[in-house]
Amino acid sequence: AARPALGLAAGRPLDHHAGLAELAVEQNYARPKVDESPVFAVVEGRHPMVEQNLARGDGASFVGNDCRLGAENKDTGTRILVVTGPNMAGKSTFLRQNALIVVLAQLGSFVPAKSAHVGIVDRLFSRVGAADDLARGRSTFMVEMVETAAILNQASERSFVVLDEIGRGTATFDGLSIAWAVAEHLARSDASPKTVFATHYHELVDL
C-alpha cells in the first residue's frame, strides 16, 4: 500500500527532532539525565546563543561553568545560589544559560554542557530585566514587585527560579531589605524552589 504524504502537521515533530539532533552534533551538546529527582547538576554549562555569537565573531570560545542545586536528600541539598559580582561579569548570562538548559532538557533536547542531570521541573520562573508598564500605571519598580510576588506565591519545590537584581528599582537600603527578604523566603520556605539569585548586594552572602 502507498504511504500517505507527510503533511505539515506530521512533519513538524520530525523537523523539530532533526534540528535538535543536528544542533547537538554541531555544538557538542551532551545528553542530559532527566528524572524525578530534585537535582539540577550541570558541568561546564554554556549559553547557546552567546556561545554561537562568540564563534561567529572573533572565534572566541565560551568558558563553561558549573551549577549544582538540590540533592537526593532535600534537607542537605543547596536550594539557592547567590551570585555576586560587578557589571559585565556574566551574572545574567549564568542565570539565563541554566534556565535554557532546563527548558532544552525537558523538551527532549541535548544541552550545551559537558554533562547535566536535570530533575523534572513543573514551572520556570524568571524575574530578569527592567521594564515599566505605564499604560497600566506600573513603574519599573512596581512591575518588578508584582512579578516577584507572583513567583513567591506560585513557585513549588519542583520549580526553577532565576532572579536578577531584585530591589534595584528603589533606595539602596530598601532594595537590600527586599532582596534579603525574598532570598530568605525562597531558601527557607516549605516550597523552597531551586533558585539562582544574581545581585549587587554582596551583603546577601551573609544570609
Protein backbone atom coordinates (compact mmCIF):
# COMPACT_ATOMS: atom_id res chain seq x y z
CA ALA A 1 0.00 0.00 0.00
CA ALA A 2 1.18 3.50 -0.77
CA ARG A 3 2.26 5.55 2.22
CA PRO A 4 0.37 8.80 2.80
CA ALA A 5 2.26 12.00 2.09
CA LEU A 6 3.91 13.55 5.11
CA GLY A 7 1.77 16.57 5.90
CA LEU A 8 2.83 19.78 7.64
CA ALA A 9 1.36 18.77 10.97
CA ALA A 10 3.10 15.40 10.86
CA GLY A 11 6.33 16.93 9.56
CA ARG A 12 6.83 19.37 12.41
CA PRO A 13 7.91 16.79 15.00
CA LEU A 14 10.45 15.34 12.56
CA ASP A 15 11.84 18.77 11.75
CA HIS A 16 11.95 19.59 15.44
CA HIS A 17 13.92 16.48 16.44
CA ALA A 18 16.15 16.56 13.37
CA GLY A 19 17.02 20.20 14.05
CA LEU A 20 17.85 19.49 17.69
CA ALA A 21 19.95 16.48 16.70
CA GLU A 22 21.91 18.48 14.14
CA LEU A 23 22.47 21.28 16.65
CA ALA A 24 23.65 18.80 19.29
CA VAL A 25 26.28 17.38 16.93
CA GLU A 26 27.44 20.75 15.62
CA GLN A 27 27.68 22.43 19.02
CA ASN A 28 28.89 19.44 21.05
CA TYR A 29 25.85 19.20 23.32
CA ALA A 30 25.51 16.46 25.94
CA ARG A 31 22.61 14.11 26.59
CA PRO A 32 21.10 15.13 29.94
CA LYS A 33 19.87 12.71 32.57
CA VAL A 34 16.24 13.69 33.21
CA ASP A 35 14.41 12.04 36.10
CA GLU A 36 12.10 12.64 39.06
CA SER A 37 14.89 13.63 41.44
CA PRO A 38 15.18 17.17 42.89
CA VAL A 39 18.68 17.52 41.40
CA PHE A 40 19.97 20.16 39.00
CA ALA A 41 23.65 19.48 38.31
CA VAL A 42 25.37 20.95 35.25
CA VAL A 43 29.07 20.59 34.47
CA GLU A 44 30.62 23.21 32.17
CA GLY A 45 27.28 24.62 31.07
CA ARG A 46 27.20 27.19 28.28
CA HIS A 47 24.76 29.81 26.98
CA PRO A 48 23.86 28.53 23.49
CA MET A 49 23.29 31.91 21.83
CA VAL A 50 26.25 33.70 23.42
CA GLU A 51 28.48 30.78 22.51
CA GLN A 52 27.43 30.83 18.85
CA ASN A 53 27.74 34.62 18.59
CA LEU A 54 31.27 34.46 20.02
CA ALA A 55 32.23 31.81 17.48
CA ARG A 56 30.81 33.88 14.60
CA GLY A 57 32.64 36.99 15.77
CA ASP A 58 36.31 36.75 16.58
CA GLY A 59 36.26 32.98 17.10
CA ALA A 60 36.44 33.22 20.87
CA SER A 61 35.17 30.26 22.89
CA PHE A 62 32.65 30.32 25.71
CA VAL A 63 34.11 29.24 29.04
CA GLY A 64 31.70 26.75 30.59
CA ASN A 65 30.75 26.86 34.25
CA ASP A 66 29.07 24.52 36.72
CA CYS A 67 25.78 24.86 38.55
CA ARG A 68 24.66 22.47 41.28
CA LEU A 69 21.33 22.75 43.05
CA GLY A 70 19.29 20.24 45.00
CA ALA A 71 20.29 16.76 46.10
CA GLU A 72 18.72 13.37 46.59
CA ASN A 73 18.18 14.43 50.19
CA LYS A 74 16.16 17.64 50.10
CA ASP A 75 17.32 18.69 53.58
CA THR A 76 21.02 18.62 52.68
CA GLY A 77 20.96 19.94 49.12
CA THR A 78 21.62 23.56 48.19
CA ARG A 79 18.35 25.15 47.09
CA ILE A 80 19.56 28.67 46.31
CA LEU A 81 22.73 30.14 44.80
CA VAL A 82 23.54 33.81 45.39
CA VAL A 83 25.70 35.11 42.53
CA THR A 84 27.50 38.42 43.07
CA GLY A 85 29.99 40.39 41.01
CA PRO A 86 30.50 43.63 39.07
CA ASN A 87 28.65 44.70 35.95
CA MET A 88 29.56 42.69 32.83
CA ALA A 89 30.86 39.82 34.98
CA GLY A 90 28.43 37.32 33.44
CA LYS A 91 25.80 37.05 36.19
CA SER A 92 22.81 37.39 33.86
CA THR A 93 24.37 35.04 31.32
CA PHE A 94 24.82 32.42 34.04
CA LEU A 95 21.16 32.74 35.10
CA ARG A 96 19.80 32.51 31.60
CA GLN A 97 22.02 29.66 30.43
CA ASN A 98 20.80 27.46 33.28
CA ALA A 99 17.18 28.38 32.60
CA LEU A 100 17.70 27.47 28.93
CA ILE A 101 19.28 24.15 29.93
CA VAL A 102 16.16 23.37 31.99
CA VAL A 103 13.91 24.09 29.02
CA LEU A 104 16.05 22.20 26.49
CA ALA A 105 16.38 19.13 28.72
CA GLN A 106 12.66 18.93 29.32
CA LEU A 107 11.69 19.25 25.67
CA GLY A 108 13.89 16.30 24.77
CA SER A 109 16.99 18.08 23.52
CA PHE A 110 20.63 17.54 24.30
CA VAL A 111 22.03 20.52 26.22
CA PRO A 112 25.05 22.86 25.94
CA ALA A 113 27.16 21.34 28.70
CA LYS A 114 29.76 18.66 29.35
CA SER A 115 27.15 16.78 31.39
CA ALA A 116 23.80 17.55 33.02
CA HIS A 117 21.39 15.96 35.47
CA VAL A 118 18.04 17.76 35.43
CA GLY A 119 15.20 16.75 37.71
CA ILE A 120 11.77 17.38 36.20
CA VAL A 121 10.64 20.99 36.73
CA ASP A 122 6.98 21.95 36.98
CA ARG A 123 7.47 25.63 36.14
CA LEU A 124 10.27 28.01 35.26
CA PHE A 125 10.04 31.49 36.78
CA SER A 126 12.15 34.44 35.67
CA ARG A 127 12.47 37.98 37.05
CA VAL A 128 15.04 39.48 34.73
CA GLY A 129 15.38 42.91 33.14
CA ALA A 130 13.88 46.31 33.80
CA ALA A 131 10.71 47.50 32.07
CA ASP A 132 7.71 49.60 33.08
CA ASP A 133 4.03 49.25 32.23
CA LEU A 134 2.94 52.86 32.39
CA ALA A 135 -0.27 52.22 30.45
CA ARG A 136 -1.47 50.26 33.48
CA GLY A 137 0.08 52.66 35.98
CA ARG A 138 3.03 50.44 36.88
CA SER A 139 6.53 51.83 37.28
CA THR A 140 9.62 49.71 36.71
CA PHE A 141 9.77 49.01 40.42
CA MET A 142 6.08 48.10 40.59
CA VAL A 143 6.41 45.65 37.69
CA GLU A 144 9.38 44.07 39.46
CA MET A 145 7.45 43.71 42.73
CA VAL A 146 4.32 42.28 41.07
CA GLU A 147 6.36 39.69 39.19
CA THR A 148 8.37 38.83 42.31
CA ALA A 149 5.17 38.41 44.34
CA ALA A 150 3.79 36.05 41.69
CA ILE A 151 6.92 33.92 41.95
CA LEU A 152 6.81 33.79 45.75
CA ASN A 153 3.14 32.78 45.69
CA GLN A 154 3.31 30.20 42.91
CA ALA A 155 6.73 28.52 42.99
CA SER A 156 6.88 24.96 44.33
CA GLU A 157 9.80 22.78 45.38
CA ARG A 158 9.86 21.46 41.79
CA SER A 159 10.10 24.93 40.25
CA PHE A 160 13.24 26.58 38.90
CA VAL A 161 13.61 30.32 39.61
CA VAL A 162 16.06 32.87 38.21
CA LEU A 163 16.12 36.32 39.80
CA ASP A 164 18.29 39.17 38.55
CA GLU A 165 18.92 42.23 40.73
CA ILE A 166 15.77 42.21 42.87
CA GLY A 167 15.27 45.53 44.67
CA ARG A 168 17.32 47.73 42.36
CA GLY A 169 14.38 49.99 41.49
CA THR A 170 14.27 51.74 44.88
CA ALA A 171 16.58 53.22 47.54
CA THR A 172 19.67 51.18 48.36
CA PHE A 173 18.72 50.01 51.86
CA ASP A 174 15.08 49.45 50.89
CA GLY A 175 16.24 47.40 47.92
CA LEU A 176 18.64 45.40 50.06
CA SER A 177 15.86 44.67 52.54
CA ILE A 178 13.57 43.45 49.76
CA ALA A 179 16.28 41.30 48.20
CA TRP A 180 17.19 39.84 51.59
CA ALA A 181 13.56 39.01 52.42
CA VAL A 182 12.97 37.39 49.02
CA ALA A 183 16.15 35.29 49.23
CA GLU A 184 15.40 34.26 52.80
CA HIS A 185 11.85 33.23 51.92
CA LEU A 186 12.95 31.19 48.90
CA ALA A 187 15.70 29.48 50.91
CA ARG A 188 13.62 28.66 53.98
CA SER A 189 10.03 28.18 52.83
CA ASP A 190 8.48 24.73 52.62
CA ALA A 191 8.28 25.10 48.84
CA SER A 192 11.93 26.21 48.53
CA PRO A 193 12.33 26.09 44.73
CA LYS A 194 15.74 25.71 43.09
CA THR A 195 16.83 29.33 42.71
CA VAL A 196 19.71 31.24 41.12
CA PHE A 197 19.76 34.78 42.53
CA ALA A 198 22.06 37.39 40.99
CA THR A 199 22.63 40.58 42.95
CA HIS A 200 24.95 43.51 43.54
CA TYR A 201 24.03 43.37 47.23
CA HIS A 202 27.05 41.44 48.41
CA GLU A 203 25.62 41.61 51.93
CA LEU A 204 23.34 38.75 50.89
CA VAL A 205 26.21 36.28 51.12
CA ASP A 206 25.89 36.62 54.90
CA LEU A 207 22.42 35.11 54.66
